[in-house]
Amino acid sequence: MVKTLRPRDYNEVYYVGYFFRMGIPIVMDLTEMPTGEAKQLVDFAAGLVFGRGGAMDRLDHKTFLLLPPEVVGPTDRPAARD
């Protein structure tokens, strides 16, 4: 199952965190958000994904795929650089 979220303001960031922590991949569609708030939500999502060991991909200009660590296999993660 993949959850699609279309937040309209930053207050809906709660749902991004909730579903991600539940191990559900998220398509985050920010096309209805003002650019400033969308950037803040992307920053939050990037920190969440990094902190939890997941992955994040841009699908379109304001659309992102967030993959929790349960979905990202060990070979899917980028190699660490020295």
Protein backbone atom coordinates (compact mmCIF):
# COMPACT_ATOMS: atom_id res chain seq x y z
CA MET A 1 0.00 0.00 0.00
CA VAL A 2 1.18 3.53 -0.81
CA LYS A 3 -0.41 6.55 0.87
CA THR A 4 -0.89 9.69 -1.21
CA LEU A 5 -0.95 12.93 0.76
CA ARG A 6 -1.86 16.33 -0.66
CA PRO A 7 -1.27 18.76 2.20
CA ARG A 8 -2.58 22.29 1.79
CA ASP A 9 -0.54 23.83 4.62
CA TYR A 10 2.37 22.97 6.88
CA ASN A 11 0.06 21.93 9.73
CA GLU A 12 -0.59 18.68 7.86
CA VAL A 13 3.06 17.63 8.34
CA TYR A 14 1.81 15.43 11.17
CA TYR A 15 0.33 12.96 8.66
CA VAL A 16 3.62 12.65 6.77
CA GLY A 17 5.42 11.67 9.95
CA TYR A 18 2.65 9.36 11.11
CA PHE A 19 2.40 7.25 7.96
CA PHE A 20 6.19 7.18 7.46
CA ARG A 21 6.76 5.91 11.00
CA MET A 22 4.08 3.26 10.38
CA GLY A 23 6.25 1.93 7.52
CA ILE A 24 3.92 3.07 4.74
CA PRO A 25 5.46 4.56 1.57
CA ILE A 26 4.14 8.06 0.86
CA VAL A 27 3.59 10.02 -2.31
CA MET A 28 3.73 13.61 -1.07
CA ASP A 29 2.00 15.93 -3.57
CA LEU A 30 2.73 19.54 -2.64
CA THR A 31 1.25 21.18 -5.76
CA GLU A 32 -1.53 22.87 -3.76
CA MET A 33 0.86 24.42 -1.24
CA PRO A 34 2.55 27.81 -1.45
CA THR A 35 6.21 27.41 -2.43
CA GLY A 36 7.59 28.63 0.92
CA GLU A 37 5.54 26.16 2.94
CA ALA A 38 6.27 23.38 0.45
CA LYS A 39 10.00 23.92 0.94
CA GLN A 40 9.56 23.67 4.70
CA LEU A 41 7.67 20.41 4.35
CA VAL A 42 10.34 19.00 2.02
CA ASP A 43 13.00 19.95 4.60
CA PHE A 44 11.02 18.17 7.32
CA ALA A 45 10.52 15.09 5.12
CA ALA A 46 14.23 14.99 4.18
CA GLY A 47 15.21 15.07 7.86
CA LEU A 48 12.66 12.40 8.73
CA VAL A 49 13.84 10.12 5.92
CA PHE A 50 17.52 10.64 6.72
CA GLY A 51 17.02 10.14 10.44
CA ARG A 52 15.05 6.95 9.97
CA GLY A 53 17.27 5.46 7.25
CA GLY A 54 14.71 5.58 4.46
CA ALA A 55 14.86 7.09 0.97
CA MET A 56 13.29 10.04 -0.79
CA ASP A 57 12.89 10.57 -4.54
CA ARG A 58 11.50 13.49 -6.51
CA LEU A 59 8.78 12.33 -8.90
CA ASP A 60 7.87 15.77 -10.27
CA HIS A 61 8.42 19.45 -9.47
CA LYS A 62 6.42 19.34 -6.21
CA THR A 63 5.82 15.61 -5.83
CA PHE A 64 8.02 13.29 -3.77
CA LEU A 65 8.13 9.61 -2.87
CA LEU A 66 9.14 8.79 0.71
CA LEU A 67 10.21 5.21 1.36
CA PRO A 68 10.51 4.03 4.96
CA PRO A 69 13.47 1.82 5.92
CA GLU A 70 11.17 -1.22 5.97
CA VAL A 71 10.62 -0.74 2.22
CA VAL A 72 14.16 0.28 1.27
CA GLY A 73 16.35 -2.80 1.02
CA PRO A 74 20.00 -2.73 2.11
CA THR A 75 21.16 -2.77 -1.52
CA ASP A 76 18.91 0.19 -2.41
CA ARG A 77 20.67 2.60 -0.09
CA PRO A 78 23.45 4.73 -1.53
CA ALA A 79 26.96 3.65 -0.53
CA ALA A 80 28.68 5.73 2.14
CA ARG A 81 31.51 7.91 0.90
CA ASP A 82 34.77 8.38 2.74
